């Protein structure tokens, strides 16, 4: 099995829809650290799982300097849902970690 990891930063805003009162219901932003993990049993014709630049373009291009509520559709833009959404964007992705602040990190991993 082959594995790669791509890490990059995005700046994005969101406001959460919660069942309780929270300041996070107000529009606010983070500098998110995104880590995308991909794997494949075989490499493509170029000798890669996927080009690192394609991962960055596919994710950062859709999310950087955006309002996540507008991009994620019906998903509440929590860190957990953001990790899930990112994982769905890359065919070979099996795990995504997003860090929204120094101590707040969420991970989604395919079974």
PDB file of N, CA and C in Angstrom:
ATOM      1  N   UNK A   1       0.854  -1.185   0.000  1.00  0.00           N
ATOM      2  CA  UNK A   1       0.000   0.000   0.000  1.00  0.00           C
ATOM      3  C   UNK A   1       0.892   1.237   0.000  1.00  0.00           C
ATOM      4  N   UNK A   2       0.517   2.225  -0.808  1.00  0.00           N
ATOM      5  CA  UNK A   2       1.217   3.495  -0.871  1.00  0.00           C
ATOM      6  C   UNK A   2       0.404   4.545  -0.105  1.00  0.00           C
ATOM      7  N   UNK A   3       1.096   5.449   0.571  1.00  0.00           N
ATOM      8  CA  UNK A   3       0.447   6.503   1.357  1.00  0.00           C
ATOM      9  C   UNK A   3       1.118   7.838   1.067  1.00  0.00           C
ATOM     10  N   UNK A   4       0.332   8.897   1.026  1.00  0.00           N
ATOM     11  CA  UNK A   4       0.856  10.261   0.987  1.00  0.00           C
ATOM     12  C   UNK A   4       0.050  11.123   1.953  1.00  0.00           C
ATOM     13  N   UNK A   5       0.668  12.217   2.346  1.00  0.00           N
ATOM     14  CA  UNK A   5       0.021  13.203   3.203  1.00  0.00           C
ATOM     15  C   UNK A   5       0.306  14.586   2.640  1.00  0.00           C
ATOM     16  N   UNK A   6      -0.723  15.398   2.531  1.00  0.00           N
ATOM     17  CA  UNK A   6      -0.584  16.782   2.082  1.00  0.00           C
ATOM     18  C   UNK A   6      -1.154  17.681   3.162  1.00  0.00           C
ATOM     19  N   UNK A   7      -0.372  18.669   3.594  1.00  0.00           N
ATOM     20  CA  UNK A   7      -0.830  19.604   4.617  1.00  0.00           C
ATOM     21  C   UNK A   7      -0.732  21.031   4.078  1.00  0.00           C
ATOM     22  N   UNK A   8      -1.756  21.828   4.381  1.00  0.00           N
ATOM     23  CA  UNK A   8      -1.767  23.224   3.948  1.00  0.00           C
ATOM     24  C   UNK A   8      -2.700  24.006   4.858  1.00  0.00           C
ATOM     25  N   UNK A   9      -2.673  25.318   4.709  1.00  0.00           N
ATOM     26  CA  UNK A   9      -3.495  26.192   5.539  1.00  0.00           C
ATOM     27  C   UNK A   9      -4.516  26.915   4.674  1.00  0.00           C
ATOM     28  N   UNK A  10      -5.706  27.066   5.213  1.00  0.00           N
ATOM     29  CA  UNK A  10      -6.738  27.876   4.569  1.00  0.00           C
ATOM     30  C   UNK A  10      -7.277  28.874   5.587  1.00  0.00           C
ATOM     31  N   UNK A  11      -7.747  29.976   5.098  1.00  0.00           N
ATOM     32  CA  UNK A  11      -8.456  30.951   5.922  1.00  0.00           C
ATOM     33  C   UNK A  11      -9.915  30.906   5.484  1.00  0.00           C
ATOM     34  N   UNK A  12     -10.785  30.636   6.444  1.00  0.00           N
ATOM     35  CA  UNK A  12     -12.205  30.525   6.100  1.00  0.00           C
ATOM     36  C   UNK A  12     -13.063  30.878   7.313  1.00  0.00           C
ATOM     37  N   UNK A  13     -14.257  31.359   7.023  1.00  0.00           N
ATOM     38  CA  UNK A  13     -15.204  31.738   8.070  1.00  0.00           C
ATOM     39  C   UNK A  13     -16.356  30.740   8.107  1.00  0.00           C
ATOM     40  N   UNK A  14     -17.020  30.701   9.241  1.00  0.00           N
ATOM     41  CA  UNK A  14     -18.234  29.897   9.373  1.00  0.00           C
ATOM     42  C   UNK A  14     -19.051  30.409  10.544  1.00  0.00           C
ATOM     43  N   UNK A  15     -20.292  30.002  10.571  1.00  0.00           N
ATOM     44  CA  UNK A  15     -21.141  30.207  11.738  1.00  0.00           C
ATOM     45  C   UNK A  15     -21.881  28.896  11.944  1.00  0.00           C
ATOM     46  N   UNK A  16     -21.889  28.435  13.158  1.00  0.00           N
ATOM     47  CA  UNK A  16     -22.469  27.132  13.452  1.00  0.00           C
ATOM     48  C   UNK A  16     -23.949  27.245  13.780  1.00  0.00           C
ATOM     49  N   UNK A  17     -24.688  26.212  13.427  1.00  0.00           N
ATOM     50  CA  UNK A  17     -26.104  26.083  13.782  1.00  0.00           C
ATOM     51  C   UNK A  17     -26.148  25.083  14.925  1.00  0.00           C
ATOM     52  N   UNK A  18     -26.414  25.565  16.137  1.00  0.00           N
ATOM     53  CA  UNK A  18     -26.315  24.712  17.322  1.00  0.00           C
ATOM     54  C   UNK A  18     -27.641  24.622  18.065  1.00  0.00           C
ATOM     55  N   UNK A  19     -27.756  23.596  18.874  1.00  0.00           N
ATOM     56  CA  UNK A  19     -28.972  23.399  19.675  1.00  0.00           C
ATOM     57  C   UNK A  19     -28.882  24.116  21.015  1.00  0.00           C
ATOM     58  N   UNK A  20     -27.847  24.896  21.216  1.00  0.00           N
ATOM     59  CA  UNK A  20     -27.632  25.644  22.454  1.00  0.00           C
ATOM     60  C   UNK A  20     -27.009  26.995  22.099  1.00  0.00           C
ATOM     61  N   UNK A  21     -27.114  27.947  23.012  1.00  0.00           N
ATOM     62  CA  UNK A  21     -26.559  29.277  22.770  1.00  0.00           C
ATOM     63  C   UNK A  21     -25.031  29.227  22.812  1.00  0.00           C
ATOM     64  N   UNK A  22     -24.398  29.832  21.811  1.00  0.00           N
ATOM     65  CA  UNK A  22     -22.935  29.837  21.740  1.00  0.00           C
ATOM     66  C   UNK A  22     -22.486  31.019  20.892  1.00  0.00           C
ATOM     67  N   UNK A  23     -21.336  31.586  21.246  1.00  0.00           N
ATOM     68  CA  UNK A  23     -20.785  32.671  20.432  1.00  0.00           C
ATOM     69  C   UNK A  23     -20.406  32.163  19.044  1.00  0.00           C
ATOM     70  N   UNK A  24     -20.246  30.863  18.877  1.00  0.00           N
ATOM     71  CA  UNK A  24     -19.882  30.285  17.579  1.00  0.00           C
ATOM     72  C   UNK A  24     -21.041  30.311  16.581  1.00  0.00           C
ATOM     73  N   UNK A  25     -22.225  30.729  17.044  1.00  0.00           N
ATOM     74  CA  UNK A  25     -23.343  30.922  16.121  1.00  0.00           C
ATOM     75  C   UNK A  25     -23.174  32.207  15.314  1.00  0.00           C
ATOM     76  N   UNK A  26     -22.253  33.062  15.732  1.00  0.00           N
ATOM     77  CA  UNK A  26     -21.928  34.291  15.008  1.00  0.00           C
ATOM     78  C   UNK A  26     -20.854  33.982  13.966  1.00  0.00           C
ATOM     79  N   UNK A  27     -20.894  34.694  12.863  1.00  0.00           N
ATOM     80  CA  UNK A  27     -19.892  34.521  11.823  1.00  0.00           C
ATOM     81  C   UNK A  27     -18.509  34.864  12.392  1.00  0.00           C
ATOM     82  N   UNK A  28     -17.563  33.941  12.215  1.00  0.00           N
ATOM     83  CA  UNK A  28     -16.189  34.129  12.678  1.00  0.00           C
ATOM     84  C   UNK A  28     -15.268  33.286  11.805  1.00  0.00           C
ATOM     85  N   UNK A  29     -13.980  33.551  11.885  1.00  0.00           N
ATOM     86  CA  UNK A  29     -13.051  32.849  11.012  1.00  0.00           C
ATOM     87  C   UNK A  29     -11.920  32.167  11.748  1.00  0.00           C
ATOM     88  N   UNK A  30     -11.260  31.280  11.029  1.00  0.00           N
ATOM     89  CA  UNK A  30     -10.093  30.549  11.533  1.00  0.00           C
ATOM     90  C   UNK A  30      -9.070  30.447  10.415  1.00  0.00           C
ATOM     91  N   UNK A  31      -7.832  30.261  10.799  1.00  0.00           N
ATOM     92  CA  UNK A  31      -6.792  29.817   9.881  1.00  0.00           C
ATOM     93  C   UNK A  31      -6.660  28.324  10.121  1.00  0.00           C
ATOM     94  N   UNK A  32      -7.319  27.552   9.299  1.00  0.00           N
ATOM     95  CA  UNK A  32      -7.410  26.106   9.452  1.00  0.00           C
ATOM     96  C   UNK A  32      -6.144  25.436   8.911  1.00  0.00           C
ATOM     97  N   UNK A  33      -5.627  24.469   9.635  1.00  0.00           N
ATOM     98  CA  UNK A  33      -4.558  23.613   9.137  1.00  0.00           C
ATOM     99  C   UNK A  33      -5.234  22.315   8.688  1.00  0.00           C
ATOM    100  N   UNK A  34      -5.105  21.994   7.426  1.00  0.00           N
ATOM    101  CA  UNK A  34      -5.765  20.824   6.835  1.00  0.00           C
ATOM    102  C   UNK A  34      -4.699  19.788   6.484  1.00  0.00           C
ATOM    103  N   UNK A  35      -4.922  18.551   6.917  1.00  0.00           N
ATOM    104  CA  UNK A  35      -4.019  17.451   6.578  1.00  0.00           C
ATOM    105  C   UNK A  35      -4.831  16.378   5.874  1.00  0.00           C
ATOM    106  N   UNK A  36      -4.476  16.100   4.635  1.00  0.00           N
ATOM    107  CA  UNK A  36      -5.186  15.136   3.800  1.00  0.00           C
ATOM    108  C   UNK A  36      -4.303  13.900   3.638  1.00  0.00           C
ATOM    109  N   UNK A  37      -4.872  12.738   3.930  1.00  0.00           N
ATOM    110  CA  UNK A  37      -4.161  11.461   3.799  1.00  0.00           C
ATOM    111  C   UNK A  37      -4.798  10.657   2.664  1.00  0.00           C
ATOM    112  N   UNK A  38      -3.970  10.182   1.738  1.00  0.00           N
ATOM    113  CA  UNK A  38      -4.452   9.377   0.613  1.00  0.00           C
ATOM    114  C   UNK A  38      -3.674   8.067   0.556  1.00  0.00           C
ATOM    115  N   UNK A  39      -4.316   7.053  -0.035  1.00  0.00           N
ATOM    116  CA  UNK A  39      -3.640   5.764  -0.183  1.00  0.00           C
ATOM    117  C   UNK A  39      -4.115   5.079  -1.449  1.00  0.00           C
ATOM    118  N   UNK A  40      -3.272   4.151  -1.933  1.00  0.00           N
ATOM    119  CA  UNK A  40      -3.627   3.360  -3.112  1.00  0.00           C
ATOM    120  C   UNK A  40      -2.768   2.099  -3.119  1.00  0.00           C
ATOM    121  N   UNK A  41      -3.355   1.026  -3.644  1.00  0.00           N
ATOM    122  CA  UNK A  41      -2.596  -0.214  -3.803  1.00  0.00           C
ATOM    123  C   UNK A  41      -1.643  -0.129  -4.985  1.00  0.00           C
ATOM    124  N   UNK A  42      -2.032   0.666  -5.973  1.00  0.00           N
ATOM    125  CA  UNK A  42      -1.198   0.828  -7.165  1.00  0.00           C
ATOM    126  C   UNK A  42      -1.072   2.307  -7.485  1.00  0.00           C
ATOM    127  N   UNK A  43       0.051   2.667  -8.066  1.00  0.00           N
ATOM    128  CA  UNK A  43       0.273   4.046  -8.478  1.00  0.00           C
ATOM    129  C   UNK A  43      -0.330   4.281  -9.856  1.00  0.00           C
ATOM    130  N   UNK A  44      -0.649   5.536 -10.154  1.00  0.00           N
ATOM    131  CA  UNK A  44      -1.191   5.854 -11.471  1.00  0.00           C
ATOM    132  C   UNK A  44      -0.078   5.835 -12.518  1.00  0.00           C
ATOM    133  N   UNK A  45      -0.406   6.156 -13.738  1.00  0.00           N
ATOM    134  CA  UNK A  45       0.565   6.096 -14.836  1.00  0.00           C
ATOM    135  C   UNK A  45       1.739   7.044 -14.629  1.00  0.00           C
ATOM    136  N   UNK A  46       1.568   8.056 -13.777  1.00  0.00           N
ATOM    137  CA  UNK A  46       2.638   9.004 -13.495  1.00  0.00           C
ATOM    138  C   UNK A  46       3.490   8.588 -12.297  1.00  0.00           C
ATOM    139  N   UNK A  47       3.171   7.426 -11.714  1.00  0.00           N
ATOM    140  CA  UNK A  47       3.922   6.963 -10.556  1.00  0.00           C
ATOM    141  C   UNK A  47       3.514   7.621  -9.258  1.00  0.00           C
ATOM    142  N   UNK A  48       2.248   8.068  -9.190  1.00  0.00           N
ATOM    143  CA  UNK A  48       1.734   8.764  -8.012  1.00  0.00           C
ATOM    144  C   UNK A  48       0.407   8.158  -7.570  1.00  0.00           C
ATOM    145  N   UNK A  49       0.060   8.421  -6.314  1.00  0.00           N
ATOM    146  CA  UNK A  49      -1.311   8.169  -5.855  1.00  0.00           C
ATOM    147  C   UNK A  49      -2.192   9.271  -6.436  1.00  0.00           C
ATOM    148  N   UNK A  50      -1.787  10.491  -6.184  1.00  0.00           N
ATOM    149  CA  UNK A  50      -2.415  11.693  -6.731  1.00  0.00           C
ATOM    150  C   UNK A  50      -1.386  12.811  -6.596  1.00  0.00           C
ATOM    151  N   UNK A  51      -1.357  13.715  -7.522  1.00  0.00           N
ATOM    152  CA  UNK A  51      -0.408  14.824  -7.466  1.00  0.00           C
ATOM    153  C   UNK A  51      -0.738  15.717  -6.265  1.00  0.00           C
ATOM    154  N   UNK A  52       0.277  16.058  -5.475  1.00  0.00           N
ATOM    155  CA  UNK A  52       0.072  16.924  -4.313  1.00  0.00           C
ATOM    156  C   UNK A  52      -0.606  18.238  -4.703  1.00  0.00           C
ATOM    157  N   UNK A  53      -0.221  18.778  -5.839  1.00  0.00           N
ATOM    158  CA  UNK A  53      -0.807  20.053  -6.262  1.00  0.00           C
ATOM    159  C   UNK A  53      -2.284  19.912  -6.601  1.00  0.00           C
ATOM    160  N   UNK A  54      -2.712  18.731  -7.053  1.00  0.00           N
ATOM    161  CA  UNK A  54      -4.128  18.518  -7.346  1.00  0.00           C
ATOM    162  C   UNK A  54      -4.953  18.499  -6.058  1.00  0.00           C
ATOM    163  N   UNK A  55      -4.395  17.933  -5.002  1.00  0.00           N
ATOM    164  CA  UNK A  55      -5.090  17.935  -3.706  1.00  0.00           C
ATOM    165  C   UNK A  55      -5.280  19.370  -3.234  1.00  0.00           C
ATOM    166  N   UNK A  56      -4.186  20.128  -3.249  1.00  0.00           N
ATOM    167  CA  UNK A  56      -4.252  21.518  -2.786  1.00  0.00           C
ATOM    168  C   UNK A  56      -5.245  22.328  -3.606  1.00  0.00           C
ATOM    169  N   UNK A  57      -5.196  22.172  -4.926  1.00  0.00           N
ATOM    170  CA  UNK A  57      -6.106  22.922  -5.794  1.00  0.00           C
ATOM    171  C   UNK A  57      -7.562  22.534  -5.526  1.00  0.00           C
ATOM    172  N   UNK A  58      -7.829  21.239  -5.383  1.00  0.00           N
ATOM    173  CA  UNK A  58      -9.209  20.767  -5.192  1.00  0.00           C
ATOM    174  C   UNK A  58      -9.809  21.265  -3.884  1.00  0.00           C
ATOM    175  N   UNK A  59      -9.000  21.338  -2.842  1.00  0.00           N
ATOM    176  CA  UNK A  59      -9.530  21.717  -1.526  1.00  0.00           C
ATOM    177  C   UNK A  59      -9.357  23.210  -1.266  1.00  0.00           C
ATOM    178  N   UNK A  60      -8.129  23.669  -1.326  1.00  0.00           N
ATOM    179  CA  UNK A  60      -7.873  25.079  -1.033  1.00  0.00           C
ATOM    180  C   UNK A  60      -8.620  25.982  -2.005  1.00  0.00           C
ATOM    181  N   UNK A  61      -8.682  25.560  -3.254  1.00  0.00           N
ATOM    182  CA  UNK A  61      -9.390  26.343  -4.262  1.00  0.00           C
ATOM    183  C   UNK A  61     -10.861  26.538  -3.949  1.00  0.00           C
ATOM    184  N   UNK A  62     -11.473  25.578  -3.275  1.00  0.00           N
ATOM    185  CA  UNK A  62     -12.897  25.687  -2.940  1.00  0.00           C
ATOM    186  C   UNK A  62     -13.153  26.369  -1.594  1.00  0.00           C
ATOM    187  N   UNK A  63     -12.160  26.310  -0.678  1.00  0.00           N
ATOM    188  CA  UNK A  63     -12.410  26.740   0.695  1.00  0.00           C
ATOM    189  C   UNK A  63     -11.711  28.018   1.135  1.00  0.00           C
ATOM    190  N   UNK A  64     -10.549  28.326   0.564  1.00  0.00           N
ATOM    191  CA  UNK A  64      -9.752  29.434   1.073  1.00  0.00           C
ATOM    192  C   UNK A  64     -10.452  30.774   0.853  1.00  0.00           C
ATOM    193  N   UNK A  65     -10.539  31.550   1.920  1.00  0.00           N
ATOM    194  CA  UNK A  65     -11.181  32.861   1.935  1.00  0.00           C
ATOM    195  C   UNK A  65     -12.654  32.786   1.523  1.00  0.00           C
ATOM    196  N   UNK A  66     -13.297  31.728   1.968  1.00  0.00           N
ATOM    197  CA  UNK A  66     -14.727  31.531   1.705  1.00  0.00           C
ATOM    198  C   UNK A  66     -15.480  31.420   3.034  1.00  0.00           C
ATOM    199  N   UNK A  67     -16.788  31.488   2.941  1.00  0.00           N
ATOM    200  CA  UNK A  67     -17.665  31.198   4.076  1.00  0.00           C
ATOM    201  C   UNK A  67     -18.072  29.736   3.933  1.00  0.00           C
ATOM    202  N   UNK A  68     -17.668  28.919   4.878  1.00  0.00           N
ATOM    203  CA  UNK A  68     -17.897  27.475   4.776  1.00  0.00           C
ATOM    204  C   UNK A  68     -19.372  27.118   4.697  1.00  0.00           C
ATOM    205  N   UNK A  69     -20.226  27.906   5.300  1.00  0.00           N
ATOM    206  CA  UNK A  69     -21.670  27.659   5.217  1.00  0.00           C
ATOM    207  C   UNK A  69     -22.137  27.656   3.762  1.00  0.00           C
ATOM    208  N   UNK A  70     -21.518  28.477   2.935  1.00  0.00           N
ATOM    209  CA  UNK A  70     -21.888  28.569   1.524  1.00  0.00           C
ATOM    210  C   UNK A  70     -21.352  27.391   0.719  1.00  0.00           C
ATOM    211  N   UNK A  71     -20.251  26.810   1.140  1.00  0.00           N
ATOM    212  CA  UNK A  71     -19.594  25.750   0.379  1.00  0.00           C
ATOM    213  C   UNK A  71     -20.100  24.364   0.770  1.00  0.00           C
ATOM    214  N   UNK A  72     -20.322  24.131   2.055  1.00  0.00           N
ATOM    215  CA  UNK A  72     -20.664  22.793   2.538  1.00  0.00           C
ATOM    216  C   UNK A  72     -22.133  22.427   2.365  1.00  0.00           C
ATOM    217  N   UNK A  73     -22.926  23.310   1.824  1.00  0.00           N
ATOM    218  CA  UNK A  73     -24.332  23.002   1.562  1.00  0.00           C
ATOM    219  C   UNK A  73     -25.119  22.797   2.846  1.00  0.00           C
ATOM    220  N   UNK A  74     -25.767  21.639   2.981  1.00  0.00           N
ATOM    221  CA  UNK A  74     -26.616  21.359   4.127  1.00  0.00           C
ATOM    222  C   UNK A  74     -25.847  20.927   5.374  1.00  0.00           C
ATOM    223  N   UNK A  75     -24.548  20.689   5.246  1.00  0.00           N
ATOM    224  CA  UNK A  75     -23.764  20.288   6.408  1.00  0.00           C
ATOM    225  C   UNK A  75     -23.507  21.478   7.330  1.00  0.00           C
ATOM    226  N   UNK A  76     -23.748  21.305   8.618  1.00  0.00           N
ATOM    227  CA  UNK A  76     -23.360  22.312   9.596  1.00  0.00           C
ATOM    228  C   UNK A  76     -21.834  22.376   9.568  1.00  0.00           C
ATOM    229  N   UNK A  77     -21.222  23.534   9.343  1.00  0.00           N
ATOM    230  CA  UNK A  77     -19.781  23.603   9.093  1.00  0.00           C
ATOM    231  C   UNK A  77     -18.912  23.470  10.356  1.00  0.00           C
ATOM    232  N   UNK A  78     -19.155  22.420  11.110  1.00  0.00           N
ATOM    233  CA  UNK A  78     -18.295  22.104  12.249  1.00  0.00           C
ATOM    234  C   UNK A  78     -16.961  21.579  11.721  1.00  0.00           C
ATOM    235  N   UNK A  79     -15.978  21.508  12.572  1.00  0.00           N
ATOM    236  CA  UNK A  79     -14.683  20.948  12.175  1.00  0.00           C
ATOM    237  C   UNK A  79     -14.845  19.498  11.728  1.00  0.00           C
ATOM    238  N   UNK A  80     -15.698  18.751  12.416  1.00  0.00           N
ATOM    239  CA  UNK A  80     -15.931  17.349  12.062  1.00  0.00           C
ATOM    240  C   UNK A  80     -16.539  17.215  10.669  1.00  0.00           C
ATOM    241  N   UNK A  81     -17.541  18.033  10.384  1.00  0.00           N
ATOM    242  CA  UNK A  81     -18.171  17.983   9.058  1.00  0.00           C
ATOM    243  C   UNK A  81     -17.247  18.499   7.966  1.00  0.00           C
ATOM    244  N   UNK A  82     -16.412  19.474   8.297  1.00  0.00           N
ATOM    245  CA  UNK A  82     -15.439  19.961   7.318  1.00  0.00           C
ATOM    246  C   UNK A  82     -14.459  18.845   6.952  1.00  0.00           C
ATOM    247  N   UNK A  83     -13.973  18.112   7.947  1.00  0.00           N
ATOM    248  CA  UNK A  83     -13.060  16.995   7.674  1.00  0.00           C
ATOM    249  C   UNK A  83     -13.735  15.951   6.784  1.00  0.00           C
ATOM    250  N   UNK A  84     -14.989  15.630   7.073  1.00  0.00           N
ATOM    251  CA  UNK A  84     -15.747  14.681   6.247  1.00  0.00           C
ATOM    252  C   UNK A  84     -15.877  15.188   4.818  1.00  0.00           C
ATOM    253  N   UNK A  85     -16.277  16.444   4.657  1.00  0.00           N
ATOM    254  CA  UNK A  85     -16.496  17.022   3.326  1.00  0.00           C
ATOM    255  C   UNK A  85     -15.210  16.990   2.507  1.00  0.00           C
ATOM    256  N   UNK A  86     -14.114  17.367   3.122  1.00  0.00           N
ATOM    257  CA  UNK A  86     -12.827  17.360   2.413  1.00  0.00           C
ATOM    258  C   UNK A  86     -12.491  15.955   1.948  1.00  0.00           C
ATOM    259  N   UNK A  87     -12.701  14.962   2.794  1.00  0.00           N
ATOM    260  CA  UNK A  87     -12.391  13.569   2.446  1.00  0.00           C
ATOM    261  C   UNK A  87     -13.178  13.124   1.219  1.00  0.00           C
ATOM    262  N   UNK A  88     -14.382  13.623   1.059  1.00  0.00           N
ATOM    263  CA  UNK A  88     -15.222  13.232  -0.072  1.00  0.00           C
ATOM    264  C   UNK A  88     -14.776  13.846  -1.393  1.00  0.00           C
ATOM    265  N   UNK A  89     -13.906  14.843  -1.351  1.00  0.00           N
ATOM    266  CA  UNK A  89     -13.496  15.562  -2.558  1.00  0.00           C
ATOM    267  C   UNK A  89     -12.380  14.872  -3.336  1.00  0.00           C
ATOM    268  N   UNK A  90     -11.637  13.961  -2.698  1.00  0.00           N
ATOM    269  CA  UNK A  90     -10.487  13.310  -3.325  1.00  0.00           C
ATOM    270  C   UNK A  90     -10.725  11.801  -3.314  1.00  0.00           C
ATOM    271  N   UNK A  91     -10.746  11.173  -4.475  1.00  0.00           N
ATOM    272  CA  UNK A  91     -11.067   9.745  -4.577  1.00  0.00           C
ATOM    273  C   UNK A  91     -10.196   8.855  -3.704  1.00  0.00           C
ATOM    274  N   UNK A  92      -8.919   9.144  -3.605  1.00  0.00           N
ATOM    275  CA  UNK A  92      -7.996   8.275  -2.874  1.00  0.00           C
ATOM    276  C   UNK A  92      -7.855   8.655  -1.400  1.00  0.00           C
ATOM    277  N   UNK A  93      -8.579   9.674  -0.965  1.00  0.00           N
ATOM    278  CA  UNK A  93      -8.484  10.138   0.421  1.00  0.00           C
ATOM    279  C   UNK A  93      -9.206   9.173   1.348  1.00  0.00           C
ATOM    280  N   UNK A  94      -8.559   8.866   2.466  1.00  0.00           N
ATOM    281  CA  UNK A  94      -9.185   8.007   3.469  1.00  0.00           C
ATOM    282  C   UNK A  94      -9.234   8.660   4.846  1.00  0.00           C
ATOM    283  N   UNK A  95      -8.522   9.783   5.025  1.00  0.00           N
ATOM    284  CA  UNK A  95      -8.470  10.419   6.336  1.00  0.00           C
ATOM    285  C   UNK A  95      -8.140  11.895   6.171  1.00  0.00           C
ATOM    286  N   UNK A  96      -8.823  12.733   6.959  1.00  0.00           N
ATOM    287  CA  UNK A  96      -8.563  14.172   6.960  1.00  0.00           C
ATOM    288  C   UNK A  96      -8.583  14.670   8.397  1.00  0.00           C
ATOM    289  N   UNK A  97      -7.619  15.514   8.710  1.00  0.00           N
ATOM    290  CA  UNK A  97      -7.587  16.196  10.000  1.00  0.00           C
ATOM    291  C   UNK A  97      -7.638  17.692   9.736  1.00  0.00           C
ATOM    292  N   UNK A  98      -8.501  18.375  10.476  1.00  0.00           N
ATOM    293  CA  UNK A  98      -8.564  19.828  10.397  1.00  0.00           C
ATOM    294  C   UNK A  98      -8.340  20.397  11.788  1.00  0.00           C
ATOM    295  N   UNK A  99      -7.503  21.405  11.841  1.00  0.00           N
ATOM    296  CA  UNK A  99      -7.227  22.094  13.098  1.00  0.00           C
ATOM    297  C   UNK A  99      -7.741  23.512  12.958  1.00  0.00           C
ATOM    298  N   UNK A 100      -8.764  23.858  13.750  1.00  0.00           N
ATOM    299  CA  UNK A 100      -9.346  25.191  13.623  1.00  0.00           C
ATOM    300  C   UNK A 100      -8.690  26.200  14.551  1.00  0.00           C
ATOM    301  N   UNK A 101      -8.020  25.731  15.584  1.00  0.00           N
ATOM    302  CA  UNK A 101      -7.257  26.584  16.485  1.00  0.00           C
ATOM    303  C   UNK A 101      -6.247  25.696  17.201  1.00  0.00           C
ATOM    304  N   UNK A 102      -5.417  26.295  18.024  1.00  0.00           N
ATOM    305  CA  UNK A 102      -4.307  25.553  18.606  1.00  0.00           C
ATOM    306  C   UNK A 102      -4.715  24.244  19.279  1.00  0.00           C
ATOM    307  N   UNK A 103      -5.797  24.226  20.007  1.00  0.00           N
ATOM    308  CA  UNK A 103      -6.177  23.020  20.732  1.00  0.00           C
ATOM    309  C   UNK A 103      -7.409  22.303  20.211  1.00  0.00           C
ATOM    310  N   UNK A 104      -7.953  22.742  19.065  1.00  0.00           N
ATOM    311  CA  UNK A 104      -9.191  22.168  18.551  1.00  0.00           C
ATOM    312  C   UNK A 104      -8.949  21.489  17.209  1.00  0.00           C
ATOM    313  N   UNK A 105      -8.972  20.160  17.240  1.00  0.00           N
ATOM    314  CA  UNK A 105      -8.639  19.355  16.064  1.00  0.00           C
ATOM    315  C   UNK A 105      -9.716  18.294  15.876  1.00  0.00           C
ATOM    316  N   UNK A 106     -10.150  18.107  14.628  1.00  0.00           N
ATOM    317  CA  UNK A 106     -11.131  17.063  14.309  1.00  0.00           C
ATOM    318  C   UNK A 106     -10.574  16.197  13.188  1.00  0.00           C
ATOM    319  N   UNK A 107     -10.902  14.901  13.247  1.00  0.00           N
ATOM    320  CA  UNK A 107     -10.445  13.958  12.236  1.00  0.00           C
ATOM    321  C   UNK A 107     -11.623  13.147  11.745  1.00  0.00           C
ATOM    322  N   UNK A 108     -11.661  12.941  10.431  1.00  0.00           N
ATOM    323  CA  UNK A 108     -12.604  12.006   9.822  1.00  0.00           C
ATOM    324  C   UNK A 108     -11.766  10.936   9.129  1.00  0.00           C
ATOM    325  N   UNK A 109     -12.133   9.666   9.329  1.00  0.00           N
ATOM    326  CA  UNK A 109     -11.436   8.570   8.674  1.00  0.00           C
ATOM    327  C   UNK A 109     -12.452   7.581   8.139  1.00  0.00           C
ATOM    328  N   UNK A 110     -12.285   7.206   6.868  1.00  0.00           N
ATOM    329  CA  UNK A 110     -13.142   6.197   6.239  1.00  0.00           C
ATOM    330  C   UNK A 110     -12.914   4.851   6.924  1.00  0.00           C
ATOM    331  N   UNK A 111     -13.965   4.050   7.030  1.00  0.00           N
ATOM    332  CA  UNK A 111     -13.832   2.692   7.586  1.00  0.00           C
ATOM    333  C   UNK A 111     -13.145   1.776   6.601  1.00  0.00           C
TER     334      UNK A 111
END
